[in-house]
Amino acid sequence: MCEKDFDEQALEEEFNDAKKAYKSAREGQKNKIKEKFEDIKKSGNDSFGFLVKDVYDYDYADDNWFGINVKIGKDNDKDKEEKTYHIALQAYDKDQKSDNIHVLMDRLGVCEYDGSVPLSFDKITEMVNTNVDLPVYKYDLLFAAIEQTYKDDDKDFNDKRNNYIKVRREQQQFIAKTLEDLKNEGKSQFEVITPSKNENGYYNHTSGAGRPKYNNHKSIKEFNNSIWKWIEVVVRDKENSENIKDAFCISLQTFNNSGDAYVAFDKIGIYKYPSDMINAYNAAADGYKKQKLKTEDAINQTEPTEISLPIKKEGVKSIVEKLMSLMKGGQNEHIHNR
């Protein structure tokens, strides 16, 4: 049993305050980037190698998803068509070993996007993962060095980010502990395997710390992806408890599968692992890790729920009900995507 006790009301209040502050800080960063491009547009200055034709928001603010679209072009150059680029305040990234797709919050990403149709996952998974993190001091975007210093709010932004990481970790631990309690009370058959516990009985926090990687032959620095959280649960085989019958990932952020493509943070998504991964796991302890993932399945077969953070015990019970429904065939098989 995890030794830590949780005060649901205090968790809820702390979570809401931290999320509001962090979301406001991210929106402020977006506005600074947007204002820089608006200044270029107003000046008509093409010294950066392009003219800014238009700048507009691309936000799903309720889900903490921010970005802008910038239309650029060149006067007197009829051979060069105008192009629109999406600048995201969160970059898609793919784990080099597992092919898991995740989002690096506060890492800037850029992709070409004409705005005529909803922004698709096919497009944003090709996003250039830049070496630029928030808060913005210097940034190099759209083939031009556009530098600006915003050091005054450095500590303020990072404090708000770190507090948001903290309350999401507490939500993850609360869900894991409640799932464990429900299983011990005979009200659930789902066993938590990730996050694991430390020697004091507390759940370790999963973070996905990131690795150095290469994007278009450009070295991409490490990134602390502590915001991305998930919980893995399994159902054991009654005849052989070493084997698992079903496995699920409970993600504390879910892919939106309708309209524009984005990730809804603090909304629960559930992924049912396919039978080939379970069979590989039963054959060898690390077998499922060797299964190659299909990116398009990871995104398209997401099972979003209406359950949002902050969560209370009744919400965790709703997650159990959803897991039971998926066990009974309520959705196509899902893959290991977090």
C-alpha atoms as a PDB file:
ATOM      1  CA  MET A   1       0.000   0.000   0.000  1.00  0.00           C
ATOM      2  CA  CYS A   2       1.315   3.436  -0.853  1.00  0.00           C
ATOM      3  CA  GLU A   3       1.943   5.318   2.389  1.00  0.00           C
ATOM      4  CA  LYS A   4       1.023   8.738   1.080  1.00  0.00           C
ATOM      5  CA  ASP A   5      -2.468  10.021   1.817  1.00  0.00           C
ATOM      6  CA  PHE A   6      -4.177  12.530  -0.438  1.00  0.00           C
ATOM      7  CA  ASP A   7      -6.581  15.342   0.408  1.00  0.00           C
ATOM      8  CA  GLU A   8      -8.828  15.411  -2.674  1.00  0.00           C
ATOM      9  CA  GLN A   9     -10.086  18.946  -2.104  1.00  0.00           C
ATOM     10  CA  ALA A  10      -6.589  20.336  -1.539  1.00  0.00           C
ATOM     11  CA  LEU A  11      -5.315  18.506  -4.629  1.00  0.00           C
ATOM     12  CA  GLU A  12      -8.108  19.995  -6.726  1.00  0.00           C
ATOM     13  CA  GLU A  13      -7.489  23.561  -5.570  1.00  0.00           C
ATOM     14  CA  GLU A  14      -3.716  23.301  -5.958  1.00  0.00           C
ATOM     15  CA  PHE A  15      -4.035  21.756  -9.409  1.00  0.00           C
ATOM     16  CA  ASN A  16      -6.449  24.404 -10.715  1.00  0.00           C
ATOM     17  CA  ASP A  17      -4.290  27.257  -9.418  1.00  0.00           C
ATOM     18  CA  ALA A  18      -1.097  25.805 -10.898  1.00  0.00           C
ATOM     19  CA  LYS A  19      -2.676  25.057 -14.275  1.00  0.00           C
ATOM     20  CA  LYS A  20      -4.183  28.553 -14.537  1.00  0.00           C
ATOM     21  CA  ALA A  21      -0.842  30.217 -13.780  1.00  0.00           C
ATOM     22  CA  TYR A  22       1.132  27.991 -16.156  1.00  0.00           C
ATOM     23  CA  LYS A  23      -1.387  28.396 -18.976  1.00  0.00           C
ATOM     24  CA  SER A  24      -1.293  32.177 -18.567  1.00  0.00           C
ATOM     25  CA  ALA A  25       2.507  32.141 -18.692  1.00  0.00           C
ATOM     26  CA  ARG A  26       2.484  30.076 -21.903  1.00  0.00           C
ATOM     27  CA  GLU A  27      -0.035  32.410 -23.509  1.00  0.00           C
ATOM     28  CA  GLY A  28       2.205  35.340 -22.590  1.00  0.00           C
ATOM     29  CA  GLN A  29       5.128  33.676 -24.341  1.00  0.00           C
ATOM     30  CA  LYS A  30       3.004  33.074 -27.436  1.00  0.00           C
ATOM     31  CA  ASN A  31       2.001  36.729 -27.529  1.00  0.00           C
ATOM     32  CA  LYS A  32       5.658  37.817 -27.426  1.00  0.00           C
ATOM     33  CA  ILE A  33       6.483  35.673 -30.447  1.00  0.00           C
ATOM     34  CA  LYS A  34       3.353  36.864 -32.246  1.00  0.00           C
ATOM     35  CA  GLU A  35       4.164  40.519 -31.524  1.00  0.00           C
ATOM     36  CA  LYS A  36       7.634  40.091 -33.033  1.00  0.00           C
ATOM     37  CA  PHE A  37       6.176  38.899 -36.324  1.00  0.00           C
ATOM     38  CA  GLU A  38       3.510  41.608 -36.224  1.00  0.00           C
ATOM     39  CA  ASP A  39       6.264  44.207 -35.856  1.00  0.00           C
ATOM     40  CA  ILE A  40       7.971  42.826 -38.963  1.00  0.00           C
ATOM     41  CA  LYS A  41       4.658  42.934 -40.828  1.00  0.00           C
ATOM     42  CA  LYS A  42       3.980  46.564 -39.857  1.00  0.00           C
ATOM     43  CA  SER A  43       7.487  47.707 -40.770  1.00  0.00           C
ATOM     44  CA  GLY A  44       7.458  46.026 -44.163  1.00  0.00           C
ATOM     45  CA  ASN A  45      11.084  45.207 -43.471  1.00  0.00           C
ATOM     46  CA  ASP A  46      12.392  42.303 -45.550  1.00  0.00           C
ATOM     47  CA  SER A  47      15.896  42.334 -44.114  1.00  0.00           C
ATOM     48  CA  PHE A  48      15.169  38.888 -42.660  1.00  0.00           C
ATOM     49  CA  GLY A  49      14.785  37.493 -46.177  1.00  0.00           C
ATOM     50  CA  PHE A  50      10.985  37.508 -46.209  1.00  0.00           C
ATOM     51  CA  LEU A  51       7.981  39.718 -45.650  1.00  0.00           C
ATOM     52  CA  VAL A  52       5.335  38.822 -43.100  1.00  0.00           C
ATOM     53  CA  LYS A  53       1.916  38.959 -44.768  1.00  0.00           C
ATOM     54  CA  ASP A  54      -0.275  37.813 -41.895  1.00  0.00           C
ATOM     55  CA  VAL A  55      -0.060  36.524 -38.317  1.00  0.00           C
ATOM     56  CA  TYR A  56      -2.896  34.839 -36.436  1.00  0.00           C
ATOM     57  CA  ASP A  57      -3.503  32.615 -33.424  1.00  0.00           C
ATOM     58  CA  TYR A  58      -3.791  28.844 -33.523  1.00  0.00           C
ATOM     59  CA  ASP A  59      -4.936  28.013 -29.997  1.00  0.00           C
ATOM     60  CA  TYR A  60      -6.888  25.455 -28.038  1.00  0.00           C
ATOM     61  CA  ALA A  61      -6.322  27.375 -24.847  1.00  0.00           C
ATOM     62  CA  ASP A  62      -8.663  25.276 -22.684  1.00  0.00           C
ATOM     63  CA  ASP A  63      -6.372  22.322 -23.367  1.00  0.00           C
ATOM     64  CA  ASN A  64      -3.154  24.332 -22.866  1.00  0.00           C
ATOM     65  CA  TRP A  65      -2.307  24.144 -26.583  1.00  0.00           C
ATOM     66  CA  PHE A  66      -0.850  27.308 -28.123  1.00  0.00           C
ATOM     67  CA  GLY A  67       0.599  28.392 -31.438  1.00  0.00           C
ATOM     68  CA  ILE A  68       0.497  30.934 -34.227  1.00  0.00           C
ATOM     69  CA  ASN A  69       0.355  30.773 -38.000  1.00  0.00           C
ATOM     70  CA  VAL A  70       2.567  33.112 -40.021  1.00  0.00           C
ATOM     71  CA  LYS A  71       2.071  33.778 -43.734  1.00  0.00           C
ATOM     72  CA  ILE A  72       5.255  34.889 -45.432  1.00  0.00           C
ATOM     73  CA  GLY A  73       6.156  35.918 -48.963  1.00  0.00           C
ATOM     74  CA  LYS A  74       8.322  38.230 -51.053  1.00  0.00           C
ATOM     75  CA  ASP A  75       7.190  41.322 -52.925  1.00  0.00           C
ATOM     76  CA  ASN A  76       8.412  41.564 -56.514  1.00  0.00           C
ATOM     77  CA  ASP A  77       9.239  37.870 -56.617  1.00  0.00           C
ATOM     78  CA  LYS A  78       6.452  36.203 -58.538  1.00  0.00           C
ATOM     79  CA  ASP A  79       8.278  32.877 -58.640  1.00  0.00           C
ATOM     80  CA  LYS A  80       8.008  32.548 -54.888  1.00  0.00           C
ATOM     81  CA  GLU A  81       4.531  31.705 -53.657  1.00  0.00           C
ATOM     82  CA  GLU A  82       3.332  32.786 -50.270  1.00  0.00           C
ATOM     83  CA  LYS A  83       3.570  30.093 -47.633  1.00  0.00           C
ATOM     84  CA  THR A  84       2.083  29.722 -44.199  1.00  0.00           C
ATOM     85  CA  TYR A  85       3.987  28.197 -41.321  1.00  0.00           C
ATOM     86  CA  HIS A  86       2.628  26.894 -38.049  1.00  0.00           C
ATOM     87  CA  ILE A  87       4.763  27.784 -35.031  1.00  0.00           C
ATOM     88  CA  ALA A  88       3.759  25.596 -32.097  1.00  0.00           C
ATOM     89  CA  LEU A  89       4.663  26.181 -28.463  1.00  0.00           C
ATOM     90  CA  GLN A  90       4.852  22.397 -28.100  1.00  0.00           C
ATOM     91  CA  ALA A  91       6.735  20.155 -30.502  1.00  0.00           C
ATOM     92  CA  TYR A  92       5.863  16.611 -31.494  1.00  0.00           C
ATOM     93  CA  ASP A  93       8.653  14.153 -30.920  1.00  0.00           C
ATOM     94  CA  LYS A  94       9.187  10.443 -31.518  1.00  0.00           C
ATOM     95  CA  ASP A  95      11.175   8.248 -29.167  1.00  0.00           C
ATOM     96  CA  GLN A  96      14.065   6.815 -31.178  1.00  0.00           C
ATOM     97  CA  LYS A  97      13.940   3.406 -29.512  1.00  0.00           C
ATOM     98  CA  SER A  98      10.203   2.711 -29.258  1.00  0.00           C
ATOM     99  CA  ASP A  99       8.707   5.081 -31.881  1.00  0.00           C
ATOM    100  CA  ASN A 100       6.363   6.369 -29.169  1.00  0.00           C
ATOM    101  CA  ILE A 101       4.958   9.770 -30.079  1.00  0.00           C
ATOM    102  CA  HIS A 102       4.778  12.380 -27.370  1.00  0.00           C
ATOM    103  CA  VAL A 103       4.759  16.162 -27.067  1.00  0.00           C
ATOM    104  CA  LEU A 104       7.579  18.305 -25.715  1.00  0.00           C
ATOM    105  CA  MET A 105       5.795  21.107 -23.903  1.00  0.00           C
ATOM    106  CA  ASP A 106       7.560  24.484 -24.222  1.00  0.00           C
ATOM    107  CA  ARG A 107       9.835  23.316 -27.036  1.00  0.00           C
ATOM    108  CA  LEU A 108       9.048  25.283 -30.214  1.00  0.00           C
ATOM    109  CA  GLY A 109       8.158  23.373 -33.345  1.00  0.00           C
ATOM    110  CA  VAL A 110       7.639  24.570 -36.936  1.00  0.00           C
ATOM    111  CA  CYS A 111       5.878  23.022 -39.906  1.00  0.00           C
ATOM    112  CA  GLU A 112       4.551  24.292 -43.225  1.00  0.00           C
ATOM    113  CA  TYR A 113       0.776  24.641 -43.236  1.00  0.00           C
ATOM    114  CA  ASP A 114      -1.466  26.419 -45.750  1.00  0.00           C
ATOM    115  CA  GLY A 115      -4.451  26.772 -43.413  1.00  0.00           C
ATOM    116  CA  SER A 116      -6.978  25.562 -45.985  1.00  0.00           C
ATOM    117  CA  VAL A 117      -7.791  22.332 -44.152  1.00  0.00           C
ATOM    118  CA  PRO A 118      -7.566  21.242 -40.517  1.00  0.00           C
ATOM    119  CA  LEU A 119      -4.007  20.760 -39.344  1.00  0.00           C
ATOM    120  CA  SER A 120      -3.503  16.997 -39.513  1.00  0.00           C
ATOM    121  CA  PHE A 121      -1.407  14.664 -37.411  1.00  0.00           C
ATOM    122  CA  ASP A 122       0.414  13.647 -40.603  1.00  0.00           C
ATOM    123  CA  LYS A 123       1.589  17.229 -40.939  1.00  0.00           C
ATOM    124  CA  ILE A 124       2.498  17.998 -37.358  1.00  0.00           C
ATOM    125  CA  THR A 125       4.348  14.726 -36.806  1.00  0.00           C
ATOM    126  CA  GLU A 126       6.716  16.002 -39.526  1.00  0.00           C
ATOM    127  CA  MET A 127       7.253  19.144 -37.455  1.00  0.00           C
ATOM    128  CA  VAL A 128      10.794  20.458 -37.167  1.00  0.00           C
ATOM    129  CA  ASN A 129      11.714  20.056 -33.519  1.00  0.00           C
ATOM    130  CA  THR A 130      13.814  23.162 -32.886  1.00  0.00           C
ATOM    131  CA  ASN A 131      16.475  23.807 -30.282  1.00  0.00           C
ATOM    132  CA  VAL A 132      14.360  26.627 -28.848  1.00  0.00           C
ATOM    133  CA  ASP A 133      12.686  26.288 -25.452  1.00  0.00           C
ATOM    134  CA  LEU A 134      10.397  28.599 -23.525  1.00  0.00           C
ATOM    135  CA  PRO A 135      10.801  31.061 -21.954  1.00  0.00           C
ATOM    136  CA  VAL A 136      11.995  32.765 -25.127  1.00  0.00           C
ATOM    137  CA  TYR A 137      15.332  34.546 -24.927  1.00  0.00           C
ATOM    138  CA  LYS A 138      16.628  34.030 -28.434  1.00  0.00           C
ATOM    139  CA  TYR A 139      14.860  32.243 -31.216  1.00  0.00           C
ATOM    140  CA  ASP A 140      15.746  31.357 -34.777  1.00  0.00           C
ATOM    141  CA  LEU A 141      12.567  30.765 -36.778  1.00  0.00           C
ATOM    142  CA  LEU A 142      11.514  30.581 -40.422  1.00  0.00           C
ATOM    143  CA  PHE A 143      15.010  30.733 -41.877  1.00  0.00           C
ATOM    144  CA  ALA A 144      15.918  34.037 -40.203  1.00  0.00           C
ATOM    145  CA  ALA A 145      17.688  35.013 -37.012  1.00  0.00           C
ATOM    146  CA  ILE A 146      15.064  36.943 -35.058  1.00  0.00           C
ATOM    147  CA  GLU A 147      16.508  37.666 -31.650  1.00  0.00           C
ATOM    148  CA  GLN A 148      14.854  39.240 -28.665  1.00  0.00           C
ATOM    149  CA  THR A 149      15.581  39.120 -24.954  1.00  0.00           C
ATOM    150  CA  TYR A 150      12.872  38.451 -22.396  1.00  0.00           C
ATOM    151  CA  LYS A 151      14.896  37.623 -19.303  1.00  0.00           C
ATOM    152  CA  ASP A 152      12.727  39.425 -16.775  1.00  0.00           C
ATOM    153  CA  ASP A 153      10.189  36.628 -16.524  1.00  0.00           C
ATOM    154  CA  ASP A 154      12.672  33.741 -16.709  1.00  0.00           C
ATOM    155  CA  LYS A 155      12.303  32.621 -13.094  1.00  0.00           C
ATOM    156  CA  ASP A 156       8.578  33.393 -13.012  1.00  0.00           C
ATOM    157  CA  PHE A 157       7.872  31.206 -16.057  1.00  0.00           C
ATOM    158  CA  ASN A 158       9.996  28.313 -14.845  1.00  0.00           C
ATOM    159  CA  ASP A 159       8.436  28.457 -11.392  1.00  0.00           C
ATOM    160  CA  LYS A 160       4.974  28.182 -12.933  1.00  0.00           C
ATOM    161  CA  ARG A 161       6.064  25.338 -15.195  1.00  0.00           C
ATOM    162  CA  ASN A 162       7.655  23.432 -12.307  1.00  0.00           C
ATOM    163  CA  ASN A 163       4.544  23.870 -10.167  1.00  0.00           C
ATOM    164  CA  TYR A 164       2.373  22.528 -12.985  1.00  0.00           C
ATOM    165  CA  ILE A 165       4.695  19.522 -13.314  1.00  0.00           C
ATOM    166  CA  LYS A 166       4.324  18.968  -9.566  1.00  0.00           C
ATOM    167  CA  VAL A 167       0.502  18.990  -9.529  1.00  0.00           C
ATOM    168  CA  ARG A 168       0.298  16.687 -12.557  1.00  0.00           C
ATOM    169  CA  ARG A 169       2.663  14.283 -10.818  1.00  0.00           C
ATOM    170  CA  GLU A 170       0.394  14.380  -7.752  1.00  0.00           C
ATOM    171  CA  GLN A 171      -2.604  13.605  -9.960  1.00  0.00           C
ATOM    172  CA  GLN A 172      -0.739  10.664 -11.476  1.00  0.00           C
ATOM    173  CA  GLN A 173       0.147   9.329  -8.034  1.00  0.00           C
ATOM    174  CA  PHE A 174      -3.389   9.835  -6.729  1.00  0.00           C
ATOM    175  CA  ILE A 175      -4.871   7.872  -9.639  1.00  0.00           C
ATOM    176  CA  ALA A 176      -2.298   5.086  -9.199  1.00  0.00           C
ATOM    177  CA  LYS A 177      -2.939   4.830  -5.455  1.00  0.00           C
ATOM    178  CA  THR A 178      -6.726   4.860  -5.892  1.00  0.00           C
ATOM    179  CA  LEU A 179      -6.488   2.116  -8.517  1.00  0.00           C
ATOM    180  CA  GLU A 180      -4.366   0.092  -6.110  1.00  0.00           C
ATOM    181  CA  ASP A 181      -6.858   0.662  -3.282  1.00  0.00           C
ATOM    182  CA  LEU A 182      -9.773  -0.423  -5.470  1.00  0.00           C
ATOM    183  CA  LYS A 183      -7.934  -3.615  -6.419  1.00  0.00           C
ATOM    184  CA  ASN A 184      -7.101  -4.374  -2.781  1.00  0.00           C
ATOM    185  CA  GLU A 185     -10.757  -3.838  -1.862  1.00  0.00           C
ATOM    186  CA  GLY A 186     -11.828  -6.349  -4.517  1.00  0.00           C
ATOM    187  CA  LYS A 187     -13.537  -3.639  -6.594  1.00  0.00           C
ATOM    188  CA  SER A 188     -11.134  -3.783  -9.528  1.00  0.00           C
ATOM    189  CA  GLN A 189      -8.858  -6.306 -11.220  1.00  0.00           C
ATOM    190  CA  PHE A 190      -6.413  -3.752 -12.638  1.00  0.00           C
ATOM    191  CA  GLU A 191      -2.858  -3.844 -11.280  1.00  0.00           C
ATOM    192  CA  VAL A 192      -0.658  -0.769 -11.594  1.00  0.00           C
ATOM    193  CA  ILE A 193       2.770  -1.587 -13.065  1.00  0.00           C
ATOM    194  CA  THR A 194       3.840   1.939 -14.108  1.00  0.00           C
ATOM    195  CA  PRO A 195       4.767   4.053 -12.248  1.00  0.00           C
ATOM    196  CA  SER A 196       6.643   1.639 -10.034  1.00  0.00           C
ATOM    197  CA  LYS A 197       7.223   2.176  -6.313  1.00  0.00           C
ATOM    198  CA  ASN A 198      10.362   3.182  -4.496  1.00  0.00           C
ATOM    199  CA  GLU A 199      11.620   1.657  -1.260  1.00  0.00           C
ATOM    200  CA  ASN A 200       9.334   3.880   0.824  1.00  0.00           C
ATOM    201  CA  GLY A 201       6.186   2.744  -0.933  1.00  0.00           C
ATOM    202  CA  TYR A 202       5.704   5.937  -2.944  1.00  0.00           C
ATOM    203  CA  TYR A 203       5.053   5.876  -6.659  1.00  0.00           C
ATOM    204  CA  ASN A 204       7.989   7.077  -8.732  1.00  0.00           C
ATOM    205  CA  HIS A 205       7.037   9.686 -11.301  1.00  0.00           C
ATOM    206  CA  THR A 206       7.416   8.897 -14.982  1.00  0.00           C
ATOM    207  CA  SER A 207       8.970  11.733 -16.892  1.00  0.00           C
ATOM    208  CA  GLY A 208      10.231  10.733 -20.337  1.00  0.00           C
ATOM    209  CA  ALA A 209      13.315  12.897 -19.835  1.00  0.00           C
ATOM    210  CA  GLY A 210      14.232  12.964 -23.507  1.00  0.00           C
ATOM    211  CA  ARG A 211      17.443  12.115 -25.330  1.00  0.00           C
ATOM    212  CA  PRO A 212      19.804  13.941 -27.663  1.00  0.00           C
ATOM    213  CA  LYS A 213      18.617  13.281 -31.205  1.00  0.00           C
ATOM    214  CA  TYR A 214      18.971  14.514 -34.750  1.00  0.00           C
ATOM    215  CA  ASN A 215      16.403  16.258 -36.906  1.00  0.00           C
ATOM    216  CA  ASN A 216      17.369  17.037 -40.514  1.00  0.00           C
ATOM    217  CA  HIS A 217      21.011  16.410 -39.555  1.00  0.00           C
ATOM    218  CA  LYS A 218      20.789  19.045 -36.823  1.00  0.00           C
ATOM    219  CA  SER A 219      21.600  18.057 -33.283  1.00  0.00           C
ATOM    220  CA  ILE A 220      18.573  18.388 -31.021  1.00  0.00           C
ATOM    221  CA  LYS A 221      19.394  18.996 -27.382  1.00  0.00           C
ATOM    222  CA  GLU A 222      17.941  17.025 -24.508  1.00  0.00           C
ATOM    223  CA  PHE A 223      14.549  18.112 -23.235  1.00  0.00           C
ATOM    224  CA  ASN A 224      12.911  17.586 -19.871  1.00  0.00           C
ATOM    225  CA  ASN A 225       9.530  16.124 -20.775  1.00  0.00           C
ATOM    226  CA  SER A 226       8.335  15.734 -17.193  1.00  0.00           C
ATOM    227  CA  ILE A 227       4.880  17.090 -18.037  1.00  0.00           C
ATOM    228  CA  TRP A 228       3.968  13.998 -20.103  1.00  0.00           C
ATOM    229  CA  LYS A 229       2.399  11.504 -17.682  1.00  0.00           C
ATOM    230  CA  TRP A 230       0.835   8.075 -17.915  1.00  0.00           C
ATOM    231  CA  ILE A 231      -0.108   5.005 -15.865  1.00  0.00           C
ATOM    232  CA  GLU A 232       0.101   1.413 -17.085  1.00  0.00           C
ATOM    233  CA  VAL A 233      -2.228  -1.263 -15.714  1.00  0.00           C
ATOM    234  CA  VAL A 234      -2.532  -4.964 -16.427  1.00  0.00           C
ATOM    235  CA  VAL A 235      -4.968  -7.782 -15.764  1.00  0.00           C
ATOM    236  CA  ARG A 236      -3.209 -10.992 -14.718  1.00  0.00           C
ATOM    237  CA  ASP A 237      -3.994 -14.400 -16.090  1.00  0.00           C
ATOM    238  CA  LYS A 238      -5.846 -16.270 -13.298  1.00  0.00           C
ATOM    239  CA  GLU A 239      -4.201 -19.561 -14.222  1.00  0.00           C
ATOM    240  CA  ASN A 240      -0.681 -18.125 -14.429  1.00  0.00           C
ATOM    241  CA  SER A 241      -0.172 -14.874 -12.541  1.00  0.00           C
ATOM    242  CA  GLU A 242       3.191 -14.353 -14.250  1.00  0.00           C
ATOM    243  CA  ASN A 243       1.334 -13.748 -17.500  1.00  0.00           C
ATOM    244  CA  ILE A 244      -0.977 -10.874 -18.365  1.00  0.00           C
ATOM    245  CA  LYS A 245      -4.296 -11.118 -20.151  1.00  0.00           C
ATOM    246  CA  ASP A 246      -4.852  -7.441 -20.930  1.00  0.00           C
ATOM    247  CA  ALA A 247      -2.794  -4.271 -20.633  1.00  0.00           C
ATOM    248  CA  PHE A 248      -3.709  -0.595 -20.869  1.00  0.00           C
ATOM    249  CA  CYS A 249      -2.088   2.801 -20.782  1.00  0.00           C
ATOM    250  CA  ILE A 250      -4.024   5.521 -18.939  1.00  0.00           C
ATOM    251  CA  SER A 251      -2.668   8.745 -20.382  1.00  0.00           C
ATOM    252  CA  LEU A 252      -3.046  12.086 -18.589  1.00  0.00           C
ATOM    253  CA  GLN A 253      -3.261  13.767 -21.993  1.00  0.00           C
ATOM    254  CA  THR A 254      -5.115  12.557 -25.056  1.00  0.00           C
ATOM    255  CA  PHE A 255      -4.882  13.044 -28.807  1.00  0.00           C
ATOM    256  CA  ASN A 256      -7.790  14.911 -30.367  1.00  0.00           C
ATOM    257  CA  ASN A 257      -8.966  12.891 -33.366  1.00  0.00           C
ATOM    258  CA  SER A 258     -11.546  15.227 -34.881  1.00  0.00           C
ATOM    259  CA  GLY A 259     -10.957  18.506 -36.678  1.00  0.00           C
ATOM    260  CA  ASP A 260      -7.589  20.147 -36.065  1.00  0.00           C
ATOM    261  CA  ALA A 261      -4.934  17.869 -34.635  1.00  0.00           C
ATOM    262  CA  TYR A 262      -3.682  18.640 -31.160  1.00  0.00           C
ATOM    263  CA  VAL A 263      -3.178  17.066 -27.745  1.00  0.00           C
ATOM    264  CA  ALA A 264      -5.690  17.881 -25.001  1.00  0.00           C
ATOM    265  CA  PHE A 265      -3.698  18.127 -21.796  1.00  0.00           C
ATOM    266  CA  ASP A 266      -5.341  17.093 -18.517  1.00  0.00           C
ATOM    267  CA  LYS A 267      -7.949  14.971 -20.310  1.00  0.00           C
ATOM    268  CA  ILE A 268      -7.725  11.225 -19.837  1.00  0.00           C
ATOM    269  CA  GLY A 269      -7.084   8.976 -22.825  1.00  0.00           C
ATOM    270  CA  ILE A 270      -6.911   5.172 -22.727  1.00  0.00           C
ATOM    271  CA  TYR A 271      -4.923   2.855 -24.979  1.00  0.00           C
ATOM    272  CA  LYS A 272      -5.474  -0.890 -25.085  1.00  0.00           C
ATOM    273  CA  TYR A 273      -2.297  -2.725 -25.989  1.00  0.00           C
ATOM    274  CA  PRO A 274      -2.611  -5.164 -28.909  1.00  0.00           C
ATOM    275  CA  SER A 275      -2.450  -8.909 -28.507  1.00  0.00           C
ATOM    276  CA  ASP A 276       0.957  -9.227 -30.212  1.00  0.00           C
ATOM    277  CA  MET A 277       2.524  -6.986 -27.561  1.00  0.00           C
ATOM    278  CA  ILE A 278       0.883  -8.954 -24.759  1.00  0.00           C
ATOM    279  CA  ASN A 279       2.029 -12.249 -26.275  1.00  0.00           C
ATOM    280  CA  ALA A 280       5.575 -10.897 -26.579  1.00  0.00           C
ATOM    281  CA  TYR A 281       5.453  -9.723 -22.958  1.00  0.00           C
ATOM    282  CA  ASN A 282       4.349 -13.152 -21.780  1.00  0.00           C
ATOM    283  CA  ALA A 283       7.109 -14.793 -23.814  1.00  0.00           C
ATOM    284  CA  ALA A 284       9.859 -12.570 -22.362  1.00  0.00           C
ATOM    285  CA  ALA A 285       9.895  -9.912 -19.650  1.00  0.00           C
ATOM    286  CA  ASP A 286      10.998  -7.179 -22.045  1.00  0.00           C
ATOM    287  CA  GLY A 287       9.439  -8.676 -25.143  1.00  0.00           C
ATOM    288  CA  TYR A 288       6.731  -6.060 -25.626  1.00  0.00           C
ATOM    289  CA  LYS A 289       9.378  -3.345 -25.798  1.00  0.00           C
ATOM    290  CA  LYS A 290      10.755  -4.959 -28.934  1.00  0.00           C
ATOM    291  CA  GLN A 291       7.505  -4.648 -30.837  1.00  0.00           C
ATOM    292  CA  LYS A 292       7.655  -1.937 -33.512  1.00  0.00           C
ATOM    293  CA  LEU A 293       4.864   0.585 -33.176  1.00  0.00           C
ATOM    294  CA  LYS A 294       2.657   2.073 -35.865  1.00  0.00           C
ATOM    295  CA  THR A 295       2.471   5.819 -35.481  1.00  0.00           C
ATOM    296  CA  GLU A 296      -0.771   6.213 -37.401  1.00  0.00           C
ATOM    297  CA  ASP A 297      -2.471   3.611 -35.202  1.00  0.00           C
ATOM    298  CA  ALA A 298      -1.182   5.269 -32.046  1.00  0.00           C
ATOM    299  CA  ILE A 299      -2.914   8.491 -33.004  1.00  0.00           C
ATOM    300  CA  ASN A 300      -6.000   7.315 -34.845  1.00  0.00           C
ATOM    301  CA  GLN A 301      -6.968   4.646 -32.334  1.00  0.00           C
ATOM    302  CA  THR A 302      -6.782   6.838 -29.258  1.00  0.00           C
ATOM    303  CA  GLU A 303      -9.763   6.348 -26.961  1.00  0.00           C
ATOM    304  CA  PRO A 304     -10.450   9.798 -25.470  1.00  0.00           C
ATOM    305  CA  THR A 305     -12.708  10.093 -22.442  1.00  0.00           C
ATOM    306  CA  GLU A 306     -14.720  12.880 -20.853  1.00  0.00           C
ATOM    307  CA  ILE A 307     -12.686  12.529 -17.633  1.00  0.00           C
ATOM    308  CA  SER A 308     -10.543  15.565 -16.856  1.00  0.00           C
ATOM    309  CA  LEU A 309      -7.973  16.562 -14.258  1.00  0.00           C
ATOM    310  CA  PRO A 310      -8.132  17.349 -11.397  1.00  0.00           C
ATOM    311  CA  ILE A 311      -9.701  14.009 -10.560  1.00  0.00           C
ATOM    312  CA  LYS A 312     -11.345  12.541  -7.466  1.00  0.00           C
ATOM    313  CA  LYS A 313     -12.055   8.950  -6.450  1.00  0.00           C
ATOM    314  CA  GLU A 314     -15.324   8.876  -8.406  1.00  0.00           C
ATOM    315  CA  GLY A 315     -13.381   9.875 -11.512  1.00  0.00           C
ATOM    316  CA  VAL A 316     -10.950   6.995 -11.003  1.00  0.00           C
ATOM    317  CA  LYS A 317     -13.952   4.662 -10.712  1.00  0.00           C
ATOM    318  CA  SER A 318     -15.102   5.998 -14.089  1.00  0.00           C
ATOM    319  CA  ILE A 319     -11.688   5.090 -15.514  1.00  0.00           C
ATOM    320  CA  VAL A 320     -12.141   1.541 -14.192  1.00  0.00           C
ATOM    321  CA  GLU A 321     -15.556   1.353 -15.858  1.00  0.00           C
ATOM    322  CA  LYS A 322     -13.993   2.467 -19.150  1.00  0.00           C
ATOM    323  CA  LEU A 323     -11.250  -0.137 -18.834  1.00  0.00           C
ATOM    324  CA  MET A 324     -13.890  -2.808 -18.233  1.00  0.00           C
ATOM    325  CA  SER A 325     -15.740  -1.670 -21.350  1.00  0.00           C
ATOM    326  CA  LEU A 326     -12.557  -1.912 -23.440  1.00  0.00           C
ATOM    327  CA  MET A 327     -11.884  -5.402 -22.088  1.00  0.00           C
ATOM    328  CA  LYS A 328     -15.297  -6.435 -23.357  1.00  0.00           C
ATOM    329  CA  GLY A 329     -14.479  -5.232 -26.864  1.00  0.00           C
ATOM    330  CA  GLY A 330     -15.734  -1.670 -26.732  1.00  0.00           C
ATOM    331  CA  GLN A 331     -12.926  -0.392 -28.968  1.00  0.00           C
ATOM    332  CA  ASN A 332     -10.399  -1.622 -31.504  1.00  0.00           C
ATOM    333  CA  GLU A 333      -7.000  -2.623 -30.231  1.00  0.00           C
ATOM    334  CA  HIS A 334      -4.662   0.205 -29.305  1.00  0.00           C
ATOM    335  CA  ILE A 335      -0.903   0.364 -29.146  1.00  0.00           C
ATOM    336  CA  HIS A 336       1.717   1.471 -26.670  1.00  0.00           C
ATOM    337  CA  ASN A 337       1.549   5.244 -27.175  1.00  0.00           C
ATOM    338  CA  ARG A 338       1.928   7.650 -24.282  1.00  0.00           C
END
